[in-house]
Every structure is written in C-alpha cells, then in structure tokens.
Amino acid sequence: MDAGAKGIVIESFGHGHLPPGMVDGVRMAVDRGVPVVLTTRCLTGCAPQPGTLHKEGFIATDLNGPKARIKLMPALSMTKDLAEIARLFAQVP
C-alpha cells in the first residue's frame, strides 16, 4: 500500500482462511479504501460466497489469483466503489 497499490489480490488457504498475522494488514488496506480480493489456492472450491462484499470489507471470488488480478485491473479503471467492484466480480462471462 505504501508503494501506491490500487488493489490487492490475496490467495488464501481453503475457503478464504488467512493466517492470523495477515488479518491486520487486510483490515488496514480496507480502511484505506484499497479493494482486497480474496481467492483460494485450493485446486477445488472457492473463497466464501464469490462476488460478495463481506462485512470485513474484502471481495470474494472463485477465480484463481492471476485471473482475479486481471479482472481487478479493469474494474479499478471503471470505479473505486467497493460494492460496484464486488458486483463486477459476481458477474460470470
């Protein structure tokens, strides 16, 4: 974030779980208005409720990390609104 990141994609453990040491950093990013997209590194399954904006402020997706990053880039060029970015992640082409 200090380097000017406009968005962050995190590949979590199964079903969106994060190591406890990462939670404060995620909250800090959300508090600064930086969209945080959470996906999973698992071969099957997804982060919880893909395409939703969770109360913690992150956006869940069932895309893998590289695809989520690619999708986040044009989303950020269209809007900075977290709810709108979540709606874009909910859309399936």
PDB file of N, CA and C in Angstrom:
ATOM      1  N   MET A   1       0.820  -1.185   0.000  1.00  0.00           N
ATOM      2  CA  MET A   1       0.000   0.000   0.000  1.00  0.00           C
ATOM      3  C   MET A   1       0.867   1.253   0.000  1.00  0.00           C
ATOM      4  N   ASP A   2       1.973   1.195   0.722  1.00  0.00           N
ATOM      5  CA  ASP A   2       2.850   2.366   0.766  1.00  0.00           C
ATOM      6  C   ASP A   2       3.457   2.672  -0.597  1.00  0.00           C
ATOM      7  N   ALA A   3       3.543   1.655  -1.454  1.00  0.00           N
ATOM      8  CA  ALA A   3       4.089   1.857  -2.803  1.00  0.00           C
ATOM      9  C   ALA A   3       3.014   2.327  -3.781  1.00  0.00           C
ATOM     10  N   GLY A   4       1.770   2.489  -3.297  1.00  0.00           N
ATOM     11  CA  GLY A   4       0.713   3.012  -4.155  1.00  0.00           C
ATOM     12  C   GLY A   4      -0.203   1.979  -4.771  1.00  0.00           C
ATOM     13  N   ALA A   5      -0.291   0.791  -4.183  1.00  0.00           N
ATOM     14  CA  ALA A   5      -1.181  -0.243  -4.724  1.00  0.00           C
ATOM     15  C   ALA A   5      -2.615   0.264  -4.763  1.00  0.00           C
ATOM     16  N   LYS A   6      -3.279   0.056  -5.871  1.00  0.00           N
ATOM     17  CA  LYS A   6      -4.678   0.461  -6.035  1.00  0.00           C
ATOM     18  C   LYS A   6      -5.638  -0.656  -5.645  1.00  0.00           C
ATOM     19  N   GLY A   7      -5.130  -1.894  -5.589  1.00  0.00           N
ATOM     20  CA  GLY A   7      -5.928  -3.057  -5.219  1.00  0.00           C
ATOM     21  C   GLY A   7      -5.001  -4.198  -4.846  1.00  0.00           C
ATOM     22  N   ILE A   8      -5.542  -5.155  -4.090  1.00  0.00           N
ATOM     23  CA  ILE A   8      -4.749  -6.291  -3.620  1.00  0.00           C
ATOM     24  C   ILE A   8      -5.539  -7.572  -3.868  1.00  0.00           C
ATOM     25  N   VAL A   9      -4.859  -8.601  -4.365  1.00  0.00           N
ATOM     26  CA  VAL A   9      -5.443  -9.926  -4.505  1.00  0.00           C
ATOM     27  C   VAL A   9      -4.680 -10.849  -3.570  1.00  0.00           C
ATOM     28  N   ILE A  10      -5.420 -11.562  -2.727  1.00  0.00           N
ATOM     29  CA  ILE A  10      -4.815 -12.484  -1.768  1.00  0.00           C
ATOM     30  C   ILE A  10      -5.287 -13.896  -2.085  1.00  0.00           C
ATOM     31  N   GLU A  11      -4.333 -14.804  -2.272  1.00  0.00           N
ATOM     32  CA  GLU A  11      -4.650 -16.220  -2.429  1.00  0.00           C
ATOM     33  C   GLU A  11      -4.642 -16.832  -1.031  1.00  0.00           C
ATOM     34  N   SER A  12      -5.814 -17.144  -0.524  1.00  0.00           N
ATOM     35  CA  SER A  12      -5.950 -17.628   0.843  1.00  0.00           C
ATOM     36  C   SER A  12      -5.791 -19.142   0.915  1.00  0.00           C
ATOM     37  N   PHE A  13      -5.838 -19.634   2.144  1.00  0.00           N
ATOM     38  CA  PHE A  13      -5.926 -21.082   2.351  1.00  0.00           C
ATOM     39  C   PHE A  13      -7.356 -21.489   2.016  1.00  0.00           C
ATOM     40  N   GLY A  14      -7.710 -22.722   2.285  1.00  0.00           N
ATOM     41  CA  GLY A  14      -9.039 -23.215   1.958  1.00  0.00           C
ATOM     42  C   GLY A  14     -10.172 -22.358   2.492  1.00  0.00           C
ATOM     43  N   HIS A  15     -11.169 -22.168   1.671  1.00  0.00           N
ATOM     44  CA  HIS A  15     -12.404 -21.440   1.984  1.00  0.00           C
ATOM     45  C   HIS A  15     -12.154 -20.031   2.538  1.00  0.00           C
ATOM     46  N   GLY A  16     -11.099 -19.381   2.070  1.00  0.00           N
ATOM     47  CA  GLY A  16     -10.866 -17.987   2.429  1.00  0.00           C
ATOM     48  C   GLY A  16     -10.159 -17.747   3.744  1.00  0.00           C
ATOM     49  N   HIS A  17      -9.623 -18.789   4.358  1.00  0.00           N
ATOM     50  CA  HIS A  17      -8.942 -18.605   5.632  1.00  0.00           C
ATOM     51  C   HIS A  17      -7.577 -17.953   5.425  1.00  0.00           C
ATOM     52  N   LEU A  18      -7.245 -17.046   6.341  1.00  0.00           N
ATOM     53  CA  LEU A  18      -5.962 -16.349   6.304  1.00  0.00           C
ATOM     54  C   LEU A  18      -5.186 -16.632   7.584  1.00  0.00           C
ATOM     55  N   PRO A  19      -3.852 -16.592   7.510  1.00  0.00           N
ATOM     56  CA  PRO A  19      -3.068 -16.682   8.739  1.00  0.00           C
ATOM     57  C   PRO A  19      -3.395 -15.474   9.626  1.00  0.00           C
ATOM     58  N   PRO A  20      -3.465 -15.653  10.937  1.00  0.00           N
ATOM     59  CA  PRO A  20      -3.814 -14.546  11.827  1.00  0.00           C
ATOM     60  C   PRO A  20      -2.947 -13.301  11.628  1.00  0.00           C
ATOM     61  N   GLY A  21      -1.705 -13.479  11.270  1.00  0.00           N
ATOM     62  CA  GLY A  21      -0.807 -12.345  11.084  1.00  0.00           C
ATOM     63  C   GLY A  21      -1.144 -11.462   9.891  1.00  0.00           C
ATOM     64  N   MET A  22      -1.984 -11.958   8.986  1.00  0.00           N
ATOM     65  CA  MET A  22      -2.358 -11.173   7.805  1.00  0.00           C
ATOM     66  C   MET A  22      -3.609 -10.322   8.022  1.00  0.00           C
ATOM     67  N   VAL A  23      -4.391 -10.659   9.017  1.00  0.00           N
ATOM     68  CA  VAL A  23      -5.695 -10.028   9.197  1.00  0.00           C
ATOM     69  C   VAL A  23      -5.570  -8.519   9.410  1.00  0.00           C
ATOM     70  N   ASP A  24      -4.631  -8.081  10.222  1.00  0.00           N
ATOM     71  CA  ASP A  24      -4.479  -6.641  10.467  1.00  0.00           C
ATOM     72  C   ASP A  24      -4.112  -5.890   9.196  1.00  0.00           C
ATOM     73  N   GLY A  25      -3.260  -6.481   8.374  1.00  0.00           N
ATOM     74  CA  GLY A  25      -2.884  -5.846   7.119  1.00  0.00           C
ATOM     75  C   GLY A  25      -4.056  -5.725   6.160  1.00  0.00           C
ATOM     76  N   VAL A  26      -4.892  -6.760   6.125  1.00  0.00           N
ATOM     77  CA  VAL A  26      -6.080  -6.722   5.278  1.00  0.00           C
ATOM     78  C   VAL A  26      -7.024  -5.632   5.773  1.00  0.00           C
ATOM     79  N   ARG A  27      -7.229  -5.561   7.073  1.00  0.00           N
ATOM     80  CA  ARG A  27      -8.094  -4.514   7.639  1.00  0.00           C
ATOM     81  C   ARG A  27      -7.550  -3.124   7.335  1.00  0.00           C
ATOM     82  N   MET A  28      -6.237  -2.948   7.415  1.00  0.00           N
ATOM     83  CA  MET A  28      -5.629  -1.657   7.136  1.00  0.00           C
ATOM     84  C   MET A  28      -5.884  -1.255   5.681  1.00  0.00           C
ATOM     85  N   ALA A  29      -5.726  -2.196   4.772  1.00  0.00           N
ATOM     86  CA  ALA A  29      -5.974  -1.907   3.355  1.00  0.00           C
ATOM     87  C   ALA A  29      -7.434  -1.513   3.142  1.00  0.00           C
ATOM     88  N   VAL A  30      -8.352  -2.272   3.725  1.00  0.00           N
ATOM     89  CA  VAL A  30      -9.780  -1.973   3.586  1.00  0.00           C
ATOM     90  C   VAL A  30     -10.092  -0.601   4.178  1.00  0.00           C
ATOM     91  N   ASP A  31      -9.516  -0.305   5.342  1.00  0.00           N
ATOM     92  CA  ASP A  31      -9.749   1.002   5.975  1.00  0.00           C
ATOM     93  C   ASP A  31      -9.246   2.151   5.111  1.00  0.00           C
ATOM     94  N   ARG A  32      -8.225   1.907   4.319  1.00  0.00           N
ATOM     95  CA  ARG A  32      -7.689   2.928   3.417  1.00  0.00           C
ATOM     96  C   ARG A  32      -8.439   2.986   2.086  1.00  0.00           C
ATOM     97  N   GLY A  33      -9.445   2.122   1.935  1.00  0.00           N
ATOM     98  CA  GLY A  33     -10.241   2.122   0.707  1.00  0.00           C
ATOM     99  C   GLY A  33      -9.624   1.337  -0.433  1.00  0.00           C
ATOM    100  N   VAL A  34      -8.613   0.526  -0.137  1.00  0.00           N
ATOM    101  CA  VAL A  34      -7.975  -0.302  -1.162  1.00  0.00           C
ATOM    102  C   VAL A  34      -8.790  -1.590  -1.295  1.00  0.00           C
ATOM    103  N   PRO A  35      -9.302  -1.900  -2.488  1.00  0.00           N
ATOM    104  CA  PRO A  35     -10.055  -3.139  -2.656  1.00  0.00           C
ATOM    105  C   PRO A  35      -9.163  -4.360  -2.423  1.00  0.00           C
ATOM    106  N   VAL A  36      -9.649  -5.279  -1.607  1.00  0.00           N
ATOM    107  CA  VAL A  36      -8.943  -6.528  -1.328  1.00  0.00           C
ATOM    108  C   VAL A  36      -9.807  -7.662  -1.869  1.00  0.00           C
ATOM    109  N   VAL A  37      -9.281  -8.379  -2.853  1.00  0.00           N
ATOM    110  CA  VAL A  37      -9.990  -9.505  -3.461  1.00  0.00           C
ATOM    111  C   VAL A  37      -9.378 -10.778  -2.898  1.00  0.00           C
ATOM    112  N   LEU A  38     -10.240 -11.615  -2.335  1.00  0.00           N
ATOM    113  CA  LEU A  38      -9.791 -12.842  -1.695  1.00  0.00           C
ATOM    114  C   LEU A  38     -10.188 -14.040  -2.537  1.00  0.00           C
ATOM    115  N   THR A  39      -9.191 -14.852  -2.879  1.00  0.00           N
ATOM    116  CA  THR A  39      -9.420 -16.085  -3.608  1.00  0.00           C
ATOM    117  C   THR A  39      -8.733 -17.209  -2.844  1.00  0.00           C
ATOM    118  N   THR A  40      -8.730 -18.395  -3.383  1.00  0.00           N
ATOM    119  CA  THR A  40      -8.111 -19.518  -2.689  1.00  0.00           C
ATOM    120  C   THR A  40      -7.069 -20.193  -3.573  1.00  0.00           C
ATOM    121  N   ARG A  41      -6.110 -20.808  -2.940  1.00  0.00           N
ATOM    122  CA  ARG A  41      -5.089 -21.557  -3.671  1.00  0.00           C
ATOM    123  C   ARG A  41      -5.471 -23.015  -3.848  1.00  0.00           C
ATOM    124  N   CYS A  42      -6.579 -23.421  -3.257  1.00  0.00           N
ATOM    125  CA  CYS A  42      -7.016 -24.820  -3.346  1.00  0.00           C
ATOM    126  C   CYS A  42      -7.395 -25.171  -4.779  1.00  0.00           C
ATOM    127  N   LEU A  43      -7.197 -26.413  -5.150  1.00  0.00           N
ATOM    128  CA  LEU A  43      -7.491 -26.845  -6.511  1.00  0.00           C
ATOM    129  C   LEU A  43      -8.987 -26.885  -6.803  1.00  0.00           C
ATOM    130  N   THR A  44      -9.789 -27.155  -5.785  1.00  0.00           N
ATOM    131  CA  THR A  44     -11.238 -27.152  -5.960  1.00  0.00           C
ATOM    132  C   THR A  44     -11.854 -26.310  -4.858  1.00  0.00           C
ATOM    133  N   GLY A  45     -13.049 -25.843  -5.082  1.00  0.00           N
ATOM    134  CA  GLY A  45     -13.712 -24.994  -4.110  1.00  0.00           C
ATOM    135  C   GLY A  45     -13.372 -23.538  -4.361  1.00  0.00           C
ATOM    136  N   CYS A  46     -13.859 -22.685  -3.498  1.00  0.00           N
ATOM    137  CA  CYS A  46     -13.650 -21.256  -3.716  1.00  0.00           C
ATOM    138  C   CYS A  46     -13.615 -20.536  -2.384  1.00  0.00           C
ATOM    139  N   ALA A  47     -13.330 -19.266  -2.463  1.00  0.00           N
ATOM    140  CA  ALA A  47     -13.463 -18.412  -1.294  1.00  0.00           C
ATOM    141  C   ALA A  47     -14.954 -18.301  -0.988  1.00  0.00           C
ATOM    142  N   PRO A  48     -15.313 -17.948   0.240  1.00  0.00           N
ATOM    143  CA  PRO A  48     -16.733 -17.931   0.584  1.00  0.00           C
ATOM    144  C   PRO A  48     -17.548 -16.955  -0.256  1.00  0.00           C
ATOM    145  N   GLN A  49     -18.704 -17.382  -0.718  1.00  0.00           N
ATOM    146  CA  GLN A  49     -19.688 -16.570  -1.439  1.00  0.00           C
ATOM    147  C   GLN A  49     -19.047 -15.665  -2.487  1.00  0.00           C
ATOM    148  N   PRO A  50     -18.589 -16.241  -3.587  1.00  0.00           N
ATOM    149  CA  PRO A  50     -17.942 -15.431  -4.629  1.00  0.00           C
ATOM    150  C   PRO A  50     -18.796 -14.252  -5.074  1.00  0.00           C
ATOM    151  N   GLY A  51     -18.124 -13.123  -5.297  1.00  0.00           N
ATOM    152  CA  GLY A  51     -18.793 -11.931  -5.797  1.00  0.00           C
ATOM    153  C   GLY A  51     -19.480 -11.107  -4.732  1.00  0.00           C
ATOM    154  N   THR A  52     -19.192 -11.380  -3.455  1.00  0.00           N
ATOM    155  CA  THR A  52     -19.834 -10.617  -2.403  1.00  0.00           C
ATOM    156  C   THR A  52     -18.826  -9.728  -1.689  1.00  0.00           C
ATOM    157  N   LEU A  53     -19.338  -8.633  -1.162  1.00  0.00           N
ATOM    158  CA  LEU A  53     -18.535  -7.735  -0.340  1.00  0.00           C
ATOM    159  C   LEU A  53     -18.829  -8.093   1.107  1.00  0.00           C
ATOM    160  N   HIS A  54     -17.858  -8.664   1.785  1.00  0.00           N
ATOM    161  CA  HIS A  54     -18.071  -9.145   3.142  1.00  0.00           C
ATOM    162  C   HIS A  54     -17.977  -8.017   4.155  1.00  0.00           C
ATOM    163  N   LYS A  55     -18.535  -8.253   5.333  1.00  0.00           N
ATOM    164  CA  LYS A  55     -18.538  -7.227   6.380  1.00  0.00           C
ATOM    165  C   LYS A  55     -17.121  -6.782   6.732  1.00  0.00           C
ATOM    166  N   GLU A  56     -16.137  -7.659   6.527  1.00  0.00           N
ATOM    167  CA  GLU A  56     -14.743  -7.294   6.769  1.00  0.00           C
ATOM    168  C   GLU A  56     -14.205  -6.375   5.678  1.00  0.00           C
ATOM    169  N   GLY A  57     -14.937  -6.265   4.582  1.00  0.00           N
ATOM    170  CA  GLY A  57     -14.557  -5.346   3.516  1.00  0.00           C
ATOM    171  C   GLY A  57     -13.868  -5.976   2.330  1.00  0.00           C
ATOM    172  N   PHE A  58     -13.614  -7.293   2.372  1.00  0.00           N
ATOM    173  CA  PHE A  58     -12.959  -7.904   1.215  1.00  0.00           C
ATOM    174  C   PHE A  58     -13.997  -8.439   0.242  1.00  0.00           C
ATOM    175  N   ILE A  59     -13.558  -8.625  -0.993  1.00  0.00           N
ATOM    176  CA  ILE A  59     -14.399  -9.145  -2.069  1.00  0.00           C
ATOM    177  C   ILE A  59     -13.939 -10.571  -2.346  1.00  0.00           C
ATOM    178  N   ALA A  60     -14.861 -11.508  -2.319  1.00  0.00           N
ATOM    179  CA  ALA A  60     -14.522 -12.914  -2.562  1.00  0.00           C
ATOM    180  C   ALA A  60     -14.713 -13.249  -4.037  1.00  0.00           C
ATOM    181  N   THR A  61     -13.892 -14.160  -4.535  1.00  0.00           N
ATOM    182  CA  THR A  61     -14.027 -14.637  -5.903  1.00  0.00           C
ATOM    183  C   THR A  61     -13.623 -16.096  -5.992  1.00  0.00           C
ATOM    184  N   ASP A  62     -14.152 -16.771  -7.000  1.00  0.00           N
ATOM    185  CA  ASP A  62     -13.736 -18.155  -7.228  1.00  0.00           C
ATOM    186  C   ASP A  62     -12.691 -18.233  -8.336  1.00  0.00           C
ATOM    187  N   LEU A  63     -12.244 -17.092  -8.838  1.00  0.00           N
ATOM    188  CA  LEU A  63     -11.154 -17.062  -9.810  1.00  0.00           C
ATOM    189  C   LEU A  63      -9.839 -17.369  -9.101  1.00  0.00           C
ATOM    190  N   ASN A  64      -8.855 -17.882  -9.850  1.00  0.00           N
ATOM    191  CA  ASN A  64      -7.540 -18.056  -9.233  1.00  0.00           C
ATOM    192  C   ASN A  64      -6.862 -16.678  -9.134  1.00  0.00           C
ATOM    193  N   GLY A  65      -5.731 -16.624  -8.464  1.00  0.00           N
ATOM    194  CA  GLY A  65      -5.059 -15.357  -8.214  1.00  0.00           C
ATOM    195  C   GLY A  65      -4.746 -14.539  -9.457  1.00  0.00           C
ATOM    196  N   PRO A  66      -4.065 -15.128 -10.465  1.00  0.00           N
ATOM    197  CA  PRO A  66      -3.756 -14.346 -11.662  1.00  0.00           C
ATOM    198  C   PRO A  66      -5.003 -13.829 -12.388  1.00  0.00           C
ATOM    199  N   LYS A  67      -6.045 -14.646 -12.481  1.00  0.00           N
ATOM    200  CA  LYS A  67      -7.273 -14.197 -13.149  1.00  0.00           C
ATOM    201  C   LYS A  67      -7.965 -13.100 -12.342  1.00  0.00           C
ATOM    202  N   ALA A  68      -7.950 -13.223 -11.022  1.00  0.00           N
ATOM    203  CA  ALA A  68      -8.548 -12.185 -10.178  1.00  0.00           C
ATOM    204  C   ALA A  68      -7.802 -10.866 -10.348  1.00  0.00           C
ATOM    205  N   ARG A  69      -6.483 -10.927 -10.450  1.00  0.00           N
ATOM    206  CA  ARG A  69      -5.682  -9.710 -10.653  1.00  0.00           C
ATOM    207  C   ARG A  69      -6.041  -9.055 -11.981  1.00  0.00           C
ATOM    208  N   ILE A  70      -6.154  -9.856 -13.019  1.00  0.00           N
ATOM    209  CA  ILE A  70      -6.505  -9.326 -14.334  1.00  0.00           C
ATOM    210  C   ILE A  70      -7.902  -8.701 -14.301  1.00  0.00           C
ATOM    211  N   LYS A  71      -8.837  -9.335 -13.616  1.00  0.00           N
ATOM    212  CA  LYS A  71     -10.199  -8.790 -13.542  1.00  0.00           C
ATOM    213  C   LYS A  71     -10.244  -7.518 -12.691  1.00  0.00           C
ATOM    214  N   LEU A  72      -9.413  -7.447 -11.662  1.00  0.00           N
ATOM    215  CA  LEU A  72      -9.398  -6.274 -10.796  1.00  0.00           C
ATOM    216  C   LEU A  72      -8.871  -5.035 -11.524  1.00  0.00           C
ATOM    217  N   MET A  73      -7.920  -5.206 -12.419  1.00  0.00           N
ATOM    218  CA  MET A  73      -7.346  -4.049 -13.118  1.00  0.00           C
ATOM    219  C   MET A  73      -8.387  -3.257 -13.902  1.00  0.00           C
ATOM    220  N   PRO A  74      -9.172  -3.856 -14.796  1.00  0.00           N
ATOM    221  CA  PRO A  74     -10.179  -3.053 -15.495  1.00  0.00           C
ATOM    222  C   PRO A  74     -11.297  -2.590 -14.564  1.00  0.00           C
ATOM    223  N   ALA A  75     -11.601  -3.380 -13.535  1.00  0.00           N
ATOM    224  CA  ALA A  75     -12.630  -2.946 -12.582  1.00  0.00           C
ATOM    225  C   ALA A  75     -12.213  -1.634 -11.924  1.00  0.00           C
ATOM    226  N   LEU A  76     -10.937  -1.531 -11.544  1.00  0.00           N
ATOM    227  CA  LEU A  76     -10.441  -0.307 -10.921  1.00  0.00           C
ATOM    228  C   LEU A  76     -10.396   0.868 -11.899  1.00  0.00           C
ATOM    229  N   SER A  77     -10.273   0.565 -13.177  1.00  0.00           N
ATOM    230  CA  SER A  77     -10.289   1.657 -14.158  1.00  0.00           C
ATOM    231  C   SER A  77     -11.703   2.199 -14.353  1.00  0.00           C
ATOM    232  N   MET A  78     -12.715   1.407 -13.955  1.00  0.00           N
ATOM    233  CA  MET A  78     -14.111   1.811 -14.109  1.00  0.00           C
ATOM    234  C   MET A  78     -14.670   2.470 -12.849  1.00  0.00           C
ATOM    235  N   THR A  79     -14.223   2.019 -11.661  1.00  0.00           N
ATOM    236  CA  THR A  79     -14.808   2.520 -10.415  1.00  0.00           C
ATOM    237  C   THR A  79     -13.872   2.268  -9.244  1.00  0.00           C
ATOM    238  N   LYS A  80     -14.054   3.034  -8.200  1.00  0.00           N
ATOM    239  CA  LYS A  80     -13.339   2.809  -6.939  1.00  0.00           C
ATOM    240  C   LYS A  80     -14.310   2.330  -5.858  1.00  0.00           C
ATOM    241  N   ASP A  81     -15.598   2.229  -6.192  1.00  0.00           N
ATOM    242  CA  ASP A  81     -16.635   1.827  -5.260  1.00  0.00           C
ATOM    243  C   ASP A  81     -16.550   0.320  -4.997  1.00  0.00           C
ATOM    244  N   LEU A  82     -16.349  -0.063  -3.728  1.00  0.00           N
ATOM    245  CA  LEU A  82     -16.158  -1.475  -3.397  1.00  0.00           C
ATOM    246  C   LEU A  82     -17.378  -2.323  -3.741  1.00  0.00           C
ATOM    247  N   ALA A  83     -18.571  -1.798  -3.514  1.00  0.00           N
ATOM    248  CA  ALA A  83     -19.778  -2.564  -3.831  1.00  0.00           C
ATOM    249  C   ALA A  83     -19.892  -2.800  -5.335  1.00  0.00           C
ATOM    250  N   GLU A  84     -19.518  -1.821  -6.132  1.00  0.00           N
ATOM    251  CA  GLU A  84     -19.567  -1.983  -7.586  1.00  0.00           C
ATOM    252  C   GLU A  84     -18.502  -2.975  -8.054  1.00  0.00           C
ATOM    253  N   ILE A  85     -17.329  -2.928  -7.457  1.00  0.00           N
ATOM    254  CA  ILE A  85     -16.280  -3.893  -7.802  1.00  0.00           C
ATOM    255  C   ILE A  85     -16.741  -5.300  -7.430  1.00  0.00           C
ATOM    256  N   ALA A  86     -17.384  -5.471  -6.287  1.00  0.00           N
ATOM    257  CA  ALA A  86     -17.924  -6.775  -5.893  1.00  0.00           C
ATOM    258  C   ALA A  86     -18.964  -7.241  -6.901  1.00  0.00           C
ATOM    259  N   ARG A  87     -19.814  -6.316  -7.373  1.00  0.00           N
ATOM    260  CA  ARG A  87     -20.827  -6.675  -8.360  1.00  0.00           C
ATOM    261  C   ARG A  87     -20.155  -7.154  -9.652  1.00  0.00           C
ATOM    262  N   LEU A  88     -19.081  -6.503 -10.046  1.00  0.00           N
ATOM    263  CA  LEU A  88     -18.363  -6.922 -11.257  1.00  0.00           C
ATOM    264  C   LEU A  88     -17.761  -8.310 -11.075  1.00  0.00           C
ATOM    265  N   PHE A  89     -17.284  -8.611  -9.879  1.00  0.00           N
ATOM    266  CA  PHE A  89     -16.730  -9.941  -9.620  1.00  0.00           C
ATOM    267  C   PHE A  89     -17.813 -11.004  -9.568  1.00  0.00           C
ATOM    268  N   ALA A  90     -19.047 -10.602  -9.284  1.00  0.00           N
ATOM    269  CA  ALA A  90     -20.160 -11.552  -9.244  1.00  0.00           C
ATOM    270  C   ALA A  90     -20.619 -11.945 -10.634  1.00  0.00           C
ATOM    271  N   GLN A  91     -20.311 -11.110 -11.624  1.00  0.00           N
ATOM    272  CA  GLN A  91     -20.724 -11.400 -13.000  1.00  0.00           C
ATOM    273  C   GLN A  91     -19.888 -12.511 -13.603  1.00  0.00           C
ATOM    274  N   VAL A  92     -20.550 -13.423 -14.241  1.00  0.00           N
ATOM    275  CA  VAL A  92     -19.875 -14.520 -14.926  1.00  0.00           C
ATOM    276  C   VAL A  92     -20.021 -14.286 -16.425  1.00  0.00           C
ATOM    277  N   PRO A  93     -18.891 -14.270 -17.148  1.00  0.00           N
ATOM    278  CA  PRO A  93     -18.993 -14.003 -18.609  1.00  0.00           C
ATOM    279  C   PRO A  93     -19.730 -15.097 -19.356  1.00  0.00           C
TER     280      PRO A  93
END
